[in-house]
Amino acid sequence: MNELLGFPNQPNVQVCPPIVNRQVVVCHRYNIIEQPHICEIHTKIINHTIKRNRFIPKFTCSEENTFCEENIGCCPGVGGFGPMGQVGESPFEFPGAPVTPQ
């Protein structure tokens, strides 16, 4: 019969039923719902005032003069006491040193 159709010596081809290969195509759809949120942000400014006391030294000087009277080697019969409480003693003499009248 192939020769009648103009196809000489064609091999006998058997056609099988088709094999169905199925593929799954996944399509992702996103529905977005936007929910606004109000975030209150408060800025608090704190001002600090610092009082800095600075002490500047001002030096002064004073001088004091004292007067002390000593009676060394007083004459007997003349009253009075020396700085050590007894007649004839001086705070500048060592104990037991002879006192010489002047």
PDB file of N, CA and C in Angstrom:
ATOM      1  N   MET A   1       0.808  -1.164   0.000  1.00  0.00           N
ATOM      2  CA  MET A   1       0.000   0.000   0.000  1.00  0.00           C
ATOM      3  C   MET A   1       0.866   1.248   0.000  1.00  0.00           C
ATOM      4  N   ASN A   2       2.035   1.172   0.606  1.00  0.00           N
ATOM      5  CA  ASN A   2       2.918   2.308   0.570  1.00  0.00           C
ATOM      6  C   ASN A   2       3.360   2.621  -0.845  1.00  0.00           C
ATOM      7  N   GLU A   3       3.434   1.587  -1.641  1.00  0.00           N
ATOM      8  CA  GLU A   3       3.846   1.820  -3.031  1.00  0.00           C
ATOM      9  C   GLU A   3       2.772   2.525  -3.809  1.00  0.00           C
ATOM     10  N   LEU A   4       1.584   2.300  -3.447  1.00  0.00           N
ATOM     11  CA  LEU A   4       0.498   2.968  -4.128  1.00  0.00           C
ATOM     12  C   LEU A   4       0.459   4.454  -3.803  1.00  0.00           C
ATOM     13  N   LEU A   5       0.937   4.796  -2.636  1.00  0.00           N
ATOM     14  CA  LEU A   5       0.903   6.193  -2.233  1.00  0.00           C
ATOM     15  C   LEU A   5       2.139   6.935  -2.724  1.00  0.00           C
ATOM     16  N   GLY A   6       3.047   6.311  -3.345  1.00  0.00           N
ATOM     17  CA  GLY A   6       4.228   6.981  -3.850  1.00  0.00           C
ATOM     18  C   GLY A   6       5.435   6.860  -2.954  1.00  0.00           C
ATOM     19  N   PHE A   7       5.382   5.946  -1.971  1.00  0.00           N
ATOM     20  CA  PHE A   7       6.510   5.737  -1.079  1.00  0.00           C
ATOM     21  C   PHE A   7       7.054   4.343  -1.306  1.00  0.00           C
ATOM     22  N   PRO A   8       8.037   4.219  -2.163  1.00  0.00           N
ATOM     23  CA  PRO A   8       8.520   2.868  -2.458  1.00  0.00           C
ATOM     24  C   PRO A   8       9.334   2.299  -1.297  1.00  0.00           C
ATOM     25  N   ASN A   9       9.178   1.048  -1.056  1.00  0.00           N
ATOM     26  CA  ASN A   9       9.929   0.259  -0.098  1.00  0.00           C
ATOM     27  C   ASN A   9      10.072   0.934   1.288  1.00  0.00           C
ATOM     28  N   GLN A  10       9.056   1.385   1.792  1.00  0.00           N
ATOM     29  CA  GLN A  10       9.063   1.984   3.128  1.00  0.00           C
ATOM     30  C   GLN A  10       8.958   0.867   4.148  1.00  0.00           C
ATOM     31  N   PRO A  11       9.727   0.957   5.230  1.00  0.00           N
ATOM     32  CA  PRO A  11       9.595  -0.088   6.252  1.00  0.00           C
ATOM     33  C   PRO A  11       8.254   0.025   6.973  1.00  0.00           C
ATOM     34  N   ASN A  12       7.856  -1.053   7.488  1.00  0.00           N
ATOM     35  CA  ASN A  12       6.601  -1.076   8.192  1.00  0.00           C
ATOM     36  C   ASN A  12       6.824  -0.460   9.578  1.00  0.00           C
ATOM     37  N   VAL A  13       6.247   0.653   9.861  1.00  0.00           N
ATOM     38  CA  VAL A  13       6.425   1.375  11.138  1.00  0.00           C
ATOM     39  C   VAL A  13       5.165   1.183  11.954  1.00  0.00           C
ATOM     40  N   GLN A  14       5.384   0.718  13.129  1.00  0.00           N
ATOM     41  CA  GLN A  14       4.253   0.544  14.020  1.00  0.00           C
ATOM     42  C   GLN A  14       4.205   1.750  14.945  1.00  0.00           C
ATOM     43  N   VAL A  15       3.089   2.389  15.087  1.00  0.00           N
ATOM     44  CA  VAL A  15       2.918   3.557  15.938  1.00  0.00           C
ATOM     45  C   VAL A  15       2.246   3.107  17.223  1.00  0.00           C
ATOM     46  N   CYS A  16       2.908   3.360  18.318  1.00  0.00           N
ATOM     47  CA  CYS A  16       2.372   3.010  19.646  1.00  0.00           C
ATOM     48  C   CYS A  16       1.576   4.191  20.201  1.00  0.00           C
ATOM     49  N   PRO A  17       0.729   3.887  21.109  1.00  0.00           N
ATOM     50  CA  PRO A  17       0.006   4.997  21.719  1.00  0.00           C
ATOM     51  C   PRO A  17       0.982   5.899  22.503  1.00  0.00           C
ATOM     52  N   PRO A  18       0.676   7.159  22.604  1.00  0.00           N
ATOM     53  CA  PRO A  18       1.615   8.071  23.262  1.00  0.00           C
ATOM     54  C   PRO A  18       1.707   7.828  24.773  1.00  0.00           C
ATOM     55  N   ILE A  19       2.895   8.078  25.278  1.00  0.00           N
ATOM     56  CA  ILE A  19       3.121   8.011  26.726  1.00  0.00           C
ATOM     57  C   ILE A  19       2.945   9.439  27.246  1.00  0.00           C
ATOM     58  N   VAL A  20       2.131   9.572  28.223  1.00  0.00           N
ATOM     59  CA  VAL A  20       1.845  10.900  28.771  1.00  0.00           C
ATOM     60  C   VAL A  20       2.790  11.147  29.960  1.00  0.00           C
ATOM     61  N   ASN A  21       3.608  12.127  29.807  1.00  0.00           N
ATOM     62  CA  ASN A  21       4.464  12.578  30.912  1.00  0.00           C
ATOM     63  C   ASN A  21       3.839  13.837  31.492  1.00  0.00           C
ATOM     64  N   ARG A  22       3.556  13.759  32.750  1.00  0.00           N
ATOM     65  CA  ARG A  22       2.918  14.912  33.370  1.00  0.00           C
ATOM     66  C   ARG A  22       3.947  15.665  34.211  1.00  0.00           C
ATOM     67  N   GLN A  23       3.907  16.930  34.086  1.00  0.00           N
ATOM     68  CA  GLN A  23       4.733  17.813  34.905  1.00  0.00           C
ATOM     69  C   GLN A  23       3.816  18.730  35.688  1.00  0.00           C
ATOM     70  N   VAL A  24       4.234  19.028  36.849  1.00  0.00           N
ATOM     71  CA  VAL A  24       3.455  19.940  37.675  1.00  0.00           C
ATOM     72  C   VAL A  24       4.204  21.258  37.734  1.00  0.00           C
ATOM     73  N   VAL A  25       3.572  22.275  37.330  1.00  0.00           N
ATOM     74  CA  VAL A  25       4.134  23.617  37.413  1.00  0.00           C
ATOM     75  C   VAL A  25       3.446  24.311  38.584  1.00  0.00           C
ATOM     76  N   VAL A  26       4.259  24.731  39.547  1.00  0.00           N
ATOM     77  CA  VAL A  26       3.717  25.380  40.739  1.00  0.00           C
ATOM     78  C   VAL A  26       3.825  26.881  40.554  1.00  0.00           C
ATOM     79  N   CYS A  27       2.729  27.534  40.698  1.00  0.00           N
ATOM     80  CA  CYS A  27       2.699  28.989  40.586  1.00  0.00           C
ATOM     81  C   CYS A  27       2.306  29.541  41.950  1.00  0.00           C
ATOM     82  N   HIS A  28       3.198  30.289  42.535  1.00  0.00           N
ATOM     83  CA  HIS A  28       2.937  30.879  43.853  1.00  0.00           C
ATOM     84  C   HIS A  28       2.283  32.242  43.673  1.00  0.00           C
ATOM     85  N   ARG A  29       1.199  32.442  44.346  1.00  0.00           N
ATOM     86  CA  ARG A  29       0.530  33.730  44.334  1.00  0.00           C
ATOM     87  C   ARG A  29       0.595  34.284  45.748  1.00  0.00           C
ATOM     88  N   TYR A  30       0.905  35.560  45.849  1.00  0.00           N
ATOM     89  CA  TYR A  30       1.012  36.211  47.148  1.00  0.00           C
ATOM     90  C   TYR A  30      -0.027  37.310  47.231  1.00  0.00           C
ATOM     91  N   ASN A  31      -0.814  37.241  48.244  1.00  0.00           N
ATOM     92  CA  ASN A  31      -1.752  38.311  48.548  1.00  0.00           C
ATOM     93  C   ASN A  31      -1.181  39.073  49.739  1.00  0.00           C
ATOM     94  N   ILE A  32      -0.916  40.326  49.558  1.00  0.00           N
ATOM     95  CA  ILE A  32      -0.283  41.131  50.594  1.00  0.00           C
ATOM     96  C   ILE A  32      -1.341  42.020  51.235  1.00  0.00           C
ATOM     97  N   ILE A  33      -1.402  41.928  52.550  1.00  0.00           N
ATOM     98  CA  ILE A  33      -2.282  42.804  53.320  1.00  0.00           C
ATOM     99  C   ILE A  33      -1.370  43.703  54.142  1.00  0.00           C
ATOM    100  N   GLU A  34      -1.438  44.970  53.937  1.00  0.00           N
ATOM    101  CA  GLU A  34      -0.577  45.899  54.648  1.00  0.00           C
ATOM    102  C   GLU A  34      -1.335  46.467  55.835  1.00  0.00           C
ATOM    103  N   GLN A  35      -0.751  46.287  57.020  1.00  0.00           N
ATOM    104  CA  GLN A  35      -1.361  46.782  58.247  1.00  0.00           C
ATOM    105  C   GLN A  35      -0.447  47.856  58.828  1.00  0.00           C
ATOM    106  N   PRO A  36      -0.864  49.108  58.790  1.00  0.00           N
ATOM    107  CA  PRO A  36      -0.014  50.150  59.361  1.00  0.00           C
ATOM    108  C   PRO A  36      -0.017  50.097  60.894  1.00  0.00           C
ATOM    109  N   HIS A  37       1.172  50.321  61.471  1.00  0.00           N
ATOM    110  CA  HIS A  37       1.342  50.388  62.925  1.00  0.00           C
ATOM    111  C   HIS A  37       1.937  51.747  63.238  1.00  0.00           C
ATOM    112  N   ILE A  38       1.379  52.421  64.206  1.00  0.00           N
ATOM    113  CA  ILE A  38       1.907  53.723  64.614  1.00  0.00           C
ATOM    114  C   ILE A  38       2.816  53.501  65.813  1.00  0.00           C
ATOM    115  N   CYS A  39       4.080  53.818  65.649  1.00  0.00           N
ATOM    116  CA  CYS A  39       5.073  53.696  66.719  1.00  0.00           C
ATOM    117  C   CYS A  39       5.428  55.107  67.170  1.00  0.00           C
ATOM    118  N   GLU A  40       4.922  55.480  68.321  1.00  0.00           N
ATOM    119  CA  GLU A  40       5.218  56.817  68.814  1.00  0.00           C
ATOM    120  C   GLU A  40       6.612  56.835  69.416  1.00  0.00           C
ATOM    121  N   ILE A  41       7.416  57.767  68.965  1.00  0.00           N
ATOM    122  CA  ILE A  41       8.782  57.924  69.465  1.00  0.00           C
ATOM    123  C   ILE A  41       8.891  59.339  70.008  1.00  0.00           C
ATOM    124  N   HIS A  42       9.170  59.430  71.306  1.00  0.00           N
ATOM    125  CA  HIS A  42       9.275  60.731  71.972  1.00  0.00           C
ATOM    126  C   HIS A  42      10.730  60.972  72.353  1.00  0.00           C
ATOM    127  N   THR A  43      11.236  62.123  72.002  1.00  0.00           N
ATOM    128  CA  THR A  43      12.600  62.496  72.373  1.00  0.00           C
ATOM    129  C   THR A  43      12.513  63.487  73.514  1.00  0.00           C
ATOM    130  N   LYS A  44      13.162  63.158  74.621  1.00  0.00           N
ATOM    131  CA  LYS A  44      13.180  64.030  75.791  1.00  0.00           C
ATOM    132  C   LYS A  44      14.584  64.575  75.944  1.00  0.00           C
ATOM    133  N   ILE A  45      14.712  65.891  75.946  1.00  0.00           N
ATOM    134  CA  ILE A  45      16.015  66.547  76.087  1.00  0.00           C
ATOM    135  C   ILE A  45      16.144  67.037  77.516  1.00  0.00           C
ATOM    136  N   ILE A  46      17.223  66.645  78.181  1.00  0.00           N
ATOM    137  CA  ILE A  46      17.483  67.067  79.555  1.00  0.00           C
ATOM    138  C   ILE A  46      18.703  67.972  79.532  1.00  0.00           C
ATOM    139  N   ASN A  47      18.498  69.218  79.941  1.00  0.00           N
ATOM    140  CA  ASN A  47      19.595  70.180  80.000  1.00  0.00           C
ATOM    141  C   ASN A  47      20.187  70.162  81.404  1.00  0.00           C
ATOM    142  N   HIS A  48      21.493  70.001  81.492  1.00  0.00           N
ATOM    143  CA  HIS A  48      22.191  69.969  82.777  1.00  0.00           C
ATOM    144  C   HIS A  48      22.996  71.257  82.913  1.00  0.00           C
ATOM    145  N   THR A  49      22.824  71.920  84.016  1.00  0.00           N
ATOM    146  CA  THR A  49      23.620  73.105  84.317  1.00  0.00           C
ATOM    147  C   THR A  49      24.556  72.744  85.457  1.00  0.00           C
ATOM    148  N   ILE A  50      25.836  72.939  85.237  1.00  0.00           N
ATOM    149  CA  ILE A  50      26.847  72.595  86.230  1.00  0.00           C
ATOM    150  C   ILE A  50      27.502  73.884  86.688  1.00  0.00           C
ATOM    151  N   LYS A  51      27.412  74.138  87.980  1.00  0.00           N
ATOM    152  CA  LYS A  51      28.094  75.290  88.555  1.00  0.00           C
ATOM    153  C   LYS A  51      29.443  74.807  89.064  1.00  0.00           C
ATOM    154  N   ARG A  52      30.490  75.318  88.487  1.00  0.00           N
ATOM    155  CA  ARG A  52      31.837  74.902  88.853  1.00  0.00           C
ATOM    156  C   ARG A  52      32.469  76.008  89.688  1.00  0.00           C
ATOM    157  N   ASN A  53      32.656  75.739  90.974  1.00  0.00           N
ATOM    158  CA  ASN A  53      33.312  76.698  91.863  1.00  0.00           C
ATOM    159  C   ASN A  53      34.816  76.520  91.743  1.00  0.00           C
ATOM    160  N   ARG A  54      35.489  77.576  91.435  1.00  0.00           N
ATOM    161  CA  ARG A  54      36.943  77.528  91.328  1.00  0.00           C
ATOM    162  C   ARG A  54      37.501  78.407  92.438  1.00  0.00           C
ATOM    163  N   PHE A  55      38.316  77.815  93.275  1.00  0.00           N
ATOM    164  CA  PHE A  55      38.899  78.531  94.403  1.00  0.00           C
ATOM    165  C   PHE A  55      40.324  78.935  94.044  1.00  0.00           C
ATOM    166  N   ILE A  56      40.584  80.213  94.130  1.00  0.00           N
ATOM    167  CA  ILE A  56      41.905  80.750  93.828  1.00  0.00           C
ATOM    168  C   ILE A  56      42.526  81.174  95.148  1.00  0.00           C
ATOM    169  N   PRO A  57      43.619  80.536  95.548  1.00  0.00           N
ATOM    170  CA  PRO A  57      44.212  80.893  96.849  1.00  0.00           C
ATOM    171  C   PRO A  57      44.862  82.277  96.789  1.00  0.00           C
ATOM    172  N   LYS A  58      44.635  83.035  97.825  1.00  0.00           N
ATOM    173  CA  LYS A  58      45.277  84.335  97.961  1.00  0.00           C
ATOM    174  C   LYS A  58      46.036  84.283  99.270  1.00  0.00           C
ATOM    175  N   PHE A  59      47.352  84.213  99.172  1.00  0.00           N
ATOM    176  CA  PHE A  59      48.180  84.042 100.346  1.00  0.00           C
ATOM    177  C   PHE A  59      48.440  85.388 101.003  1.00  0.00           C
ATOM    178  N   THR A  60      48.365  85.388 102.313  1.00  0.00           N
ATOM    179  CA  THR A  60      48.698  86.575 103.096  1.00  0.00           C
ATOM    180  C   THR A  60      49.750  86.175 104.109  1.00  0.00           C
ATOM    181  N   CYS A  61      50.385  87.167 104.686  1.00  0.00           N
ATOM    182  CA  CYS A  61      51.443  86.901 105.657  1.00  0.00           C
ATOM    183  C   CYS A  61      51.295  87.917 106.789  1.00  0.00           C
ATOM    184  N   SER A  62      51.557  87.479 107.979  1.00  0.00           N
ATOM    185  CA  SER A  62      51.556  88.395 109.125  1.00  0.00           C
ATOM    186  C   SER A  62      52.771  88.085 109.988  1.00  0.00           C
ATOM    187  N   GLU A  63      53.133  89.072 110.772  1.00  0.00           N
ATOM    188  CA  GLU A  63      54.293  88.934 111.650  1.00  0.00           C
ATOM    189  C   GLU A  63      53.883  89.446 113.020  1.00  0.00           C
ATOM    190  N   GLU A  64      54.350  88.766 114.048  1.00  0.00           N
ATOM    191  CA  GLU A  64      53.984  89.136 115.401  1.00  0.00           C
ATOM    192  C   GLU A  64      55.247  89.208 116.242  1.00  0.00           C
ATOM    193  N   ASN A  65      55.380  90.245 116.997  1.00  0.00           N
ATOM    194  CA  ASN A  65      56.517  90.418 117.903  1.00  0.00           C
ATOM    195  C   ASN A  65      56.036  90.252 119.335  1.00  0.00           C
ATOM    196  N   THR A  66      56.806  89.523 120.119  1.00  0.00           N
ATOM    197  CA  THR A  66      56.482  89.350 121.539  1.00  0.00           C
ATOM    198  C   THR A  66      57.605  89.954 122.373  1.00  0.00           C
ATOM    199  N   PHE A  67      57.293  90.253 123.587  1.00  0.00           N
ATOM    200  CA  PHE A  67      58.279  90.833 124.504  1.00  0.00           C
ATOM    201  C   PHE A  67      58.231  90.055 125.797  1.00  0.00           C
ATOM    202  N   CYS A  68      59.390  89.651 126.251  1.00  0.00           N
ATOM    203  CA  CYS A  68      59.500  88.905 127.486  1.00  0.00           C
ATOM    204  C   CYS A  68      60.591  89.564 128.324  1.00  0.00           C
ATOM    205  N   GLU A  69      60.336  89.742 129.586  1.00  0.00           N
ATOM    206  CA  GLU A  69      61.329  90.377 130.464  1.00  0.00           C
ATOM    207  C   GLU A  69      61.842  89.348 131.442  1.00  0.00           C
ATOM    208  N   GLU A  70      63.154  89.260 131.564  1.00  0.00           N
ATOM    209  CA  GLU A  70      63.779  88.330 132.500  1.00  0.00           C
ATOM    210  C   GLU A  70      64.519  89.120 133.567  1.00  0.00           C
ATOM    211  N   ASN A  71      64.427  88.641 134.751  1.00  0.00           N
ATOM    212  CA  ASN A  71      65.178  89.214 135.864  1.00  0.00           C
ATOM    213  C   ASN A  71      66.169  88.171 136.333  1.00  0.00           C
ATOM    214  N   ILE A  72      67.395  88.288 135.904  1.00  0.00           N
ATOM    215  CA  ILE A  72      68.439  87.328 136.245  1.00  0.00           C
ATOM    216  C   ILE A  72      69.337  87.964 137.306  1.00  0.00           C
ATOM    217  N   GLY A  73      69.532  87.217 138.350  1.00  0.00           N
ATOM    218  CA  GLY A  73      70.433  87.692 139.405  1.00  0.00           C
ATOM    219  C   GLY A  73      69.936  88.942 140.103  1.00  0.00           C
ATOM    220  N   CYS A  74      68.684  88.944 140.461  1.00  0.00           N
ATOM    221  CA  CYS A  74      68.130  90.119 141.137  1.00  0.00           C
ATOM    222  C   CYS A  74      68.709  90.237 142.546  1.00  0.00           C
ATOM    223  N   CYS A  75      68.686  91.433 143.009  1.00  0.00           N
ATOM    224  CA  CYS A  75      69.179  91.700 144.369  1.00  0.00           C
ATOM    225  C   CYS A  75      68.202  91.141 145.386  1.00  0.00           C
ATOM    226  N   PRO A  76      68.752  90.595 146.489  1.00  0.00           N
ATOM    227  CA  PRO A  76      67.854  90.104 147.527  1.00  0.00           C
ATOM    228  C   PRO A  76      67.015  91.248 148.077  1.00  0.00           C
ATOM    229  N   GLY A  77      65.818  90.958 148.361  1.00  0.00           N
ATOM    230  CA  GLY A  77      64.922  91.970 148.902  1.00  0.00           C
ATOM    231  C   GLY A  77      64.098  92.640 147.824  1.00  0.00           C
ATOM    232  N   VAL A  78      64.473  92.458 146.548  1.00  0.00           N
ATOM    233  CA  VAL A  78      63.676  93.018 145.471  1.00  0.00           C
ATOM    234  C   VAL A  78      62.697  91.921 145.061  1.00  0.00           C
ATOM    235  N   GLY A  79      61.449  92.186 145.157  1.00  0.00           N
ATOM    236  CA  GLY A  79      60.446  91.166 144.858  1.00  0.00           C
ATOM    237  C   GLY A  79      60.360  90.888 143.366  1.00  0.00           C
ATOM    238  N   GLY A  80      59.632  89.857 143.057  1.00  0.00           N
ATOM    239  CA  GLY A  80      59.406  89.517 141.657  1.00  0.00           C
ATOM    240  C   GLY A  80      59.847  88.114 141.345  1.00  0.00           C
ATOM    241  N   PHE A  81      59.322  87.600 140.323  1.00  0.00           N
ATOM    242  CA  PHE A  81      59.648  86.250 139.886  1.00  0.00           C
ATOM    243  C   PHE A  81      60.029  86.286 138.423  1.00  0.00           C
ATOM    244  N   GLY A  82      60.922  85.431 138.019  1.00  0.00           N
ATOM    245  CA  GLY A  82      61.343  85.324 136.629  1.00  0.00           C
ATOM    246  C   GLY A  82      60.356  84.478 135.830  1.00  0.00           C
ATOM    247  N   PRO A  83      60.705  84.237 134.582  1.00  0.00           N
ATOM    248  CA  PRO A  83      59.803  83.463 133.749  1.00  0.00           C
ATOM    249  C   PRO A  83      59.642  82.027 134.210  1.00  0.00           C
ATOM    250  N   MET A  84      60.590  81.484 134.987  1.00  0.00           N
ATOM    251  CA  MET A  84      60.476  80.109 135.442  1.00  0.00           C
ATOM    252  C   MET A  84      59.767  80.030 136.789  1.00  0.00           C
ATOM    253  N   GLY A  85      59.404  81.162 137.353  1.00  0.00           N
ATOM    254  CA  GLY A  85      58.660  81.154 138.604  1.00  0.00           C
ATOM    255  C   GLY A  85      59.522  81.379 139.825  1.00  0.00           C
ATOM    256  N   GLN A  86      60.836  81.390 139.685  1.00  0.00           N
ATOM    257  CA  GLN A  86      61.701  81.622 140.826  1.00  0.00           C
ATOM    258  C   GLN A  86      62.703  82.704 140.468  1.00  0.00           C
ATOM    259  N   VAL A  87      63.067  83.453 141.434  1.00  0.00           N
ATOM    260  CA  VAL A  87      64.004  84.543 141.215  1.00  0.00           C
ATOM    261  C   VAL A  87      65.353  83.971 140.851  1.00  0.00           C
ATOM    262  N   GLY A  88      65.948  84.490 139.790  1.00  0.00           N
ATOM    263  CA  GLY A  88      67.305  84.114 139.430  1.00  0.00           C
ATOM    264  C   GLY A  88      67.383  82.979 138.427  1.00  0.00           C
ATOM    265  N   GLU A  89      66.271  82.334 138.059  1.00  0.00           N
ATOM    266  CA  GLU A  89      66.336  81.261 137.084  1.00  0.00           C
ATOM    267  C   GLU A  89      65.990  81.788 135.690  1.00  0.00           C
ATOM    268  N   SER A  90      66.699  81.284 134.732  1.00  0.00           N
ATOM    269  CA  SER A  90      66.458  81.675 133.358  1.00  0.00           C
ATOM    270  C   SER A  90      66.063  80.440 132.551  1.00  0.00           C
ATOM    271  N   PRO A  91      65.174  80.559 131.616  1.00  0.00           N
ATOM    272  CA  PRO A  91      64.821  79.396 130.808  1.00  0.00           C
ATOM    273  C   PRO A  91      65.934  78.987 129.860  1.00  0.00           C
ATOM    274  N   PHE A  92      66.975  79.804 129.743  1.00  0.00           N
ATOM    275  CA  PHE A  92      68.071  79.506 128.825  1.00  0.00           C
ATOM    276  C   PHE A  92      69.261  78.882 129.518  1.00  0.00           C
ATOM    277  N   GLU A  93      69.179  78.604 130.831  1.00  0.00           N
ATOM    278  CA  GLU A  93      70.286  77.994 131.566  1.00  0.00           C
ATOM    279  C   GLU A  93      69.959  76.544 131.847  1.00  0.00           C
ATOM    280  N   PHE A  94      70.998  75.724 131.933  1.00  0.00           N
ATOM    281  CA  PHE A  94      70.828  74.316 132.244  1.00  0.00           C
ATOM    282  C   PHE A  94      70.675  74.149 133.750  1.00  0.00           C
ATOM    283  N   PRO A  95      69.929  73.169 134.193  1.00  0.00           N
ATOM    284  CA  PRO A  95      69.772  72.955 135.641  1.00  0.00           C
ATOM    285  C   PRO A  95      71.131  72.635 136.262  1.00  0.00           C
ATOM    286  N   GLY A  96      71.384  73.214 137.379  1.00  0.00           N
ATOM    287  CA  GLY A  96      72.649  72.987 138.090  1.00  0.00           C
ATOM    288  C   GLY A  96      73.765  73.905 137.650  1.00  0.00           C
ATOM    289  N   ALA A  97      73.549  74.716 136.622  1.00  0.00           N
ATOM    290  CA  ALA A  97      74.606  75.643 136.186  1.00  0.00           C
ATOM    291  C   ALA A  97      74.628  76.830 137.140  1.00  0.00           C
ATOM    292  N   PRO A  98      75.795  77.297 137.463  1.00  0.00           N
ATOM    293  CA  PRO A  98      75.871  78.423 138.419  1.00  0.00           C
ATOM    294  C   PRO A  98      75.306  79.708 137.793  1.00  0.00           C
ATOM    295  N   VAL A  99      74.569  80.435 138.598  1.00  0.00           N
ATOM    296  CA  VAL A  99      74.010  81.703 138.146  1.00  0.00           C
ATOM    297  C   VAL A  99      74.949  82.802 138.630  1.00  0.00           C
ATOM    298  N   THR A 100      75.442  83.563 137.692  1.00  0.00           N
ATOM    299  CA  THR A 100      76.356  84.653 138.059  1.00  0.00           C
ATOM    300  C   THR A 100      75.633  85.972 138.034  1.00  0.00           C
ATOM    301  N   PRO A 101      75.706  86.742 139.112  1.00  0.00           N
ATOM    302  CA  PRO A 101      75.021  88.049 139.098  1.00  0.00           C
ATOM    303  C   PRO A 101      75.690  89.012 138.143  1.00  0.00           C
ATOM    304  N   GLN A 102      74.895  89.859 137.600  1.00  0.00           N
ATOM    305  CA  GLN A 102      75.445  90.834 136.646  1.00  0.00           C
ATOM    306  C   GLN A 102      75.442  92.212 137.218  1.00  0.00           C
TER     307      GLN A 102
END
